[in-house]
Amino acid sequence: MKIWVDADACPVVIKEILFKAANRTETEMTLVANHSVSIPPSPFIDFVHVGSGFDVADNEIVQRLNAGDLVITSDIPLADEVITKGALALSPRGELFTAENIKPKLNMRDFMETMRSSGIQTGGPAPLNQADRQAFANQLDRWLRKI
């Protein structure tokens, strides 16, 4: 079992939680991004630099992951693909995406995208807070205990 990180938009504080967890539990983790990402020296942490372009990092993750792996992403379409391949997807806010909740989330995301493209201002997500970090750490620990 391995952790994959959609590192292009992953908050630094979440990466730090992941780095500590990967080293503590000796779990392999790979960050994938189309820009340079600083990672600590570790035999368990790896970085894959992909070319720029729409969904290039997402596609790389989907191609490489195996069933049972964990993907850290806030990208709903990527989470849907991850679940389809039998892996798990966890948002940096600690929300576990599942087969039961991903389709409604995908529909809402598409609806909001339609609203934005028609000129309606929808605002963005609230800043990551302590409760989000704690929820993320708790979900990560649950997955790590299972493996």
Protein backbone atom coordinates (compact mmCIF):
# COMPACT_ATOMS: atom_id res chain seq x y z
CA MET A 1 0.00 0.00 0.00
CA LYS A 2 1.27 3.41 -0.94
CA ILE A 3 0.30 7.06 -0.51
CA TRP A 4 0.08 9.27 -3.60
CA VAL A 5 -0.12 13.03 -3.21
CA ASP A 6 -1.59 15.37 -5.81
CA ALA A 7 1.05 17.88 -4.75
CA ASP A 8 0.22 20.78 -7.08
CA ALA A 9 -2.38 22.17 -4.67
CA CYS A 10 -1.69 20.27 -1.45
CA PRO A 11 -1.18 22.68 1.46
CA VAL A 12 2.28 22.72 3.03
CA VAL A 13 0.91 21.87 6.49
CA ILE A 14 -0.72 18.72 5.06
CA LYS A 15 2.52 17.71 3.32
CA GLU A 16 4.33 18.08 6.65
CA ILE A 17 1.80 15.77 8.34
CA LEU A 18 2.29 13.28 5.50
CA PHE A 19 6.11 13.45 5.69
CA LYS A 20 6.07 12.69 9.41
CA ALA A 21 3.55 9.86 9.01
CA ALA A 22 5.41 8.23 6.10
CA ASN A 23 8.67 8.21 8.06
CA ARG A 24 7.07 7.13 11.34
CA THR A 25 5.23 4.19 9.75
CA GLU A 26 7.77 3.47 6.97
CA THR A 27 5.04 3.87 4.37
CA GLU A 28 6.01 4.64 0.78
CA MET A 29 4.74 7.99 -0.44
CA THR A 30 5.09 9.71 -3.79
CA LEU A 31 4.26 13.34 -4.46
CA VAL A 32 3.35 14.17 -8.04
CA ALA A 33 3.40 17.73 -9.38
CA ASN A 34 4.16 19.80 -12.45
CA HIS A 35 6.39 22.14 -10.42
CA SER A 36 9.27 21.49 -8.03
CA VAL A 37 8.27 20.31 -4.57
CA SER A 38 10.67 20.23 -1.67
CA ILE A 39 10.74 16.88 0.12
CA PRO A 40 12.79 15.80 3.12
CA PRO A 41 15.51 13.19 2.62
CA SER A 42 13.84 9.85 3.29
CA PRO A 43 13.90 6.36 1.84
CA PHE A 44 10.09 6.39 2.01
CA ILE A 45 9.34 9.69 0.25
CA ASP A 46 9.65 10.20 -3.49
CA PHE A 47 8.79 12.98 -5.94
CA VAL A 48 7.69 12.68 -9.57
CA HIS A 49 7.93 15.83 -11.67
CA VAL A 50 5.54 15.78 -14.63
CA GLY A 51 5.17 18.18 -17.51
CA SER A 52 2.75 21.06 -17.33
CA GLY A 53 -0.69 20.71 -18.82
CA PHE A 54 -4.25 19.96 -17.91
CA ASP A 55 -4.52 16.89 -15.62
CA VAL A 56 -0.98 15.66 -16.36
CA ALA A 57 -0.24 15.02 -12.65
CA ASP A 58 -3.68 13.47 -12.14
CA ASN A 59 -3.19 11.10 -15.07
CA GLU A 60 0.24 10.08 -13.77
CA ILE A 61 -1.23 9.20 -10.38
CA VAL A 62 -4.09 7.19 -11.89
CA GLN A 63 -1.69 5.25 -14.13
CA ARG A 64 0.65 4.34 -11.27
CA LEU A 65 -1.68 3.64 -8.34
CA ASN A 66 -2.86 0.23 -7.24
CA ALA A 67 -6.07 -0.88 -5.56
CA GLY A 68 -5.88 -0.14 -1.86
CA ASP A 69 -3.50 2.81 -2.24
CA LEU A 70 -4.39 6.18 -0.73
CA VAL A 71 -4.47 9.35 -2.84
CA ILE A 72 -4.43 12.78 -1.21
CA THR A 73 -6.33 15.23 -3.40
CA SER A 74 -9.01 17.87 -3.36
CA ASP A 75 -9.66 17.25 -7.07
CA ILE A 76 -13.11 15.63 -7.30
CA PRO A 77 -12.69 14.15 -10.83
CA LEU A 78 -9.36 12.63 -9.78
CA ALA A 79 -10.96 11.21 -6.63
CA ASP A 80 -13.65 9.62 -8.82
CA GLU A 81 -11.01 7.92 -11.00
CA VAL A 82 -9.10 6.78 -7.91
CA ILE A 83 -12.22 5.17 -6.43
CA THR A 84 -13.01 3.51 -9.76
CA LYS A 85 -9.56 1.87 -9.65
CA GLY A 86 -10.21 0.51 -6.15
CA ALA A 87 -8.03 2.98 -4.25
CA LEU A 88 -9.04 5.50 -1.60
CA ALA A 89 -9.11 9.28 -1.91
CA LEU A 90 -8.75 11.68 1.00
CA SER A 91 -9.02 15.46 0.81
CA PRO A 92 -6.56 17.72 2.66
CA ARG A 93 -9.54 18.72 4.81
CA GLY A 94 -9.94 15.14 6.03
CA GLU A 95 -12.93 14.20 3.91
CA LEU A 96 -12.79 10.61 2.73
CA PHE A 97 -14.23 10.25 -0.76
CA THR A 98 -16.18 7.01 -1.20
CA ALA A 99 -18.19 5.23 -3.86
CA GLU A 100 -21.29 6.43 -1.99
CA ASN A 101 -20.44 10.15 -1.89
CA ILE A 102 -18.29 10.81 -4.95
CA LYS A 103 -21.03 11.03 -7.60
CA PRO A 104 -23.07 13.69 -5.73
CA LYS A 105 -19.83 15.64 -5.15
CA LEU A 106 -18.95 15.35 -8.82
CA ASN A 107 -22.42 16.59 -9.79
CA MET A 108 -22.13 19.56 -7.40
CA ARG A 109 -18.67 20.39 -8.72
CA ASP A 110 -19.98 20.36 -12.30
CA PHE A 111 -22.95 22.52 -11.31
CA MET A 112 -20.68 25.07 -9.60
CA GLU A 113 -18.39 25.10 -12.64
CA THR A 114 -21.40 25.86 -14.84
CA MET A 115 -22.37 28.70 -12.50
CA ARG A 116 -18.85 30.17 -12.57
CA SER A 117 -18.62 29.93 -16.35
CA SER A 118 -21.89 31.85 -16.64
CA GLY A 119 -20.35 34.71 -14.65
CA ILE A 120 -21.80 34.02 -11.20
CA GLN A 121 -19.29 34.59 -8.40
CA THR A 122 -19.35 31.54 -6.14
CA GLY A 123 -16.34 32.24 -3.92
CA GLY A 124 -13.75 29.68 -2.98
CA PRO A 125 -13.26 27.29 -0.12
CA ALA A 126 -12.60 28.62 3.36
CA PRO A 127 -8.97 28.62 4.50
CA LEU A 128 -7.69 25.37 5.96
CA ASN A 129 -8.16 25.51 9.73
CA GLN A 130 -7.06 23.48 12.75
CA ALA A 131 -10.19 21.31 12.67
CA ASP A 132 -9.47 20.45 9.01
CA ARG A 133 -5.88 19.49 9.86
CA GLN A 134 -7.05 17.33 12.74
CA ALA A 135 -9.71 15.63 10.59
CA PHE A 136 -7.05 14.92 7.96
CA ALA A 137 -4.59 13.51 10.50
CA ASN A 138 -7.31 11.30 12.02
CA GLN A 139 -8.37 9.85 8.65
CA LEU A 140 -4.72 9.30 7.67
CA ASP A 141 -4.06 7.48 10.96
CA ARG A 142 -7.10 5.23 10.41
CA TRP A 143 -5.79 4.22 6.98
CA LEU A 144 -2.26 3.69 8.29
CA ARG A 145 -3.54 1.44 11.11
CA LYS A 146 -5.44 -0.69 8.58
CA ILE A 147 -2.33 -1.35 6.53
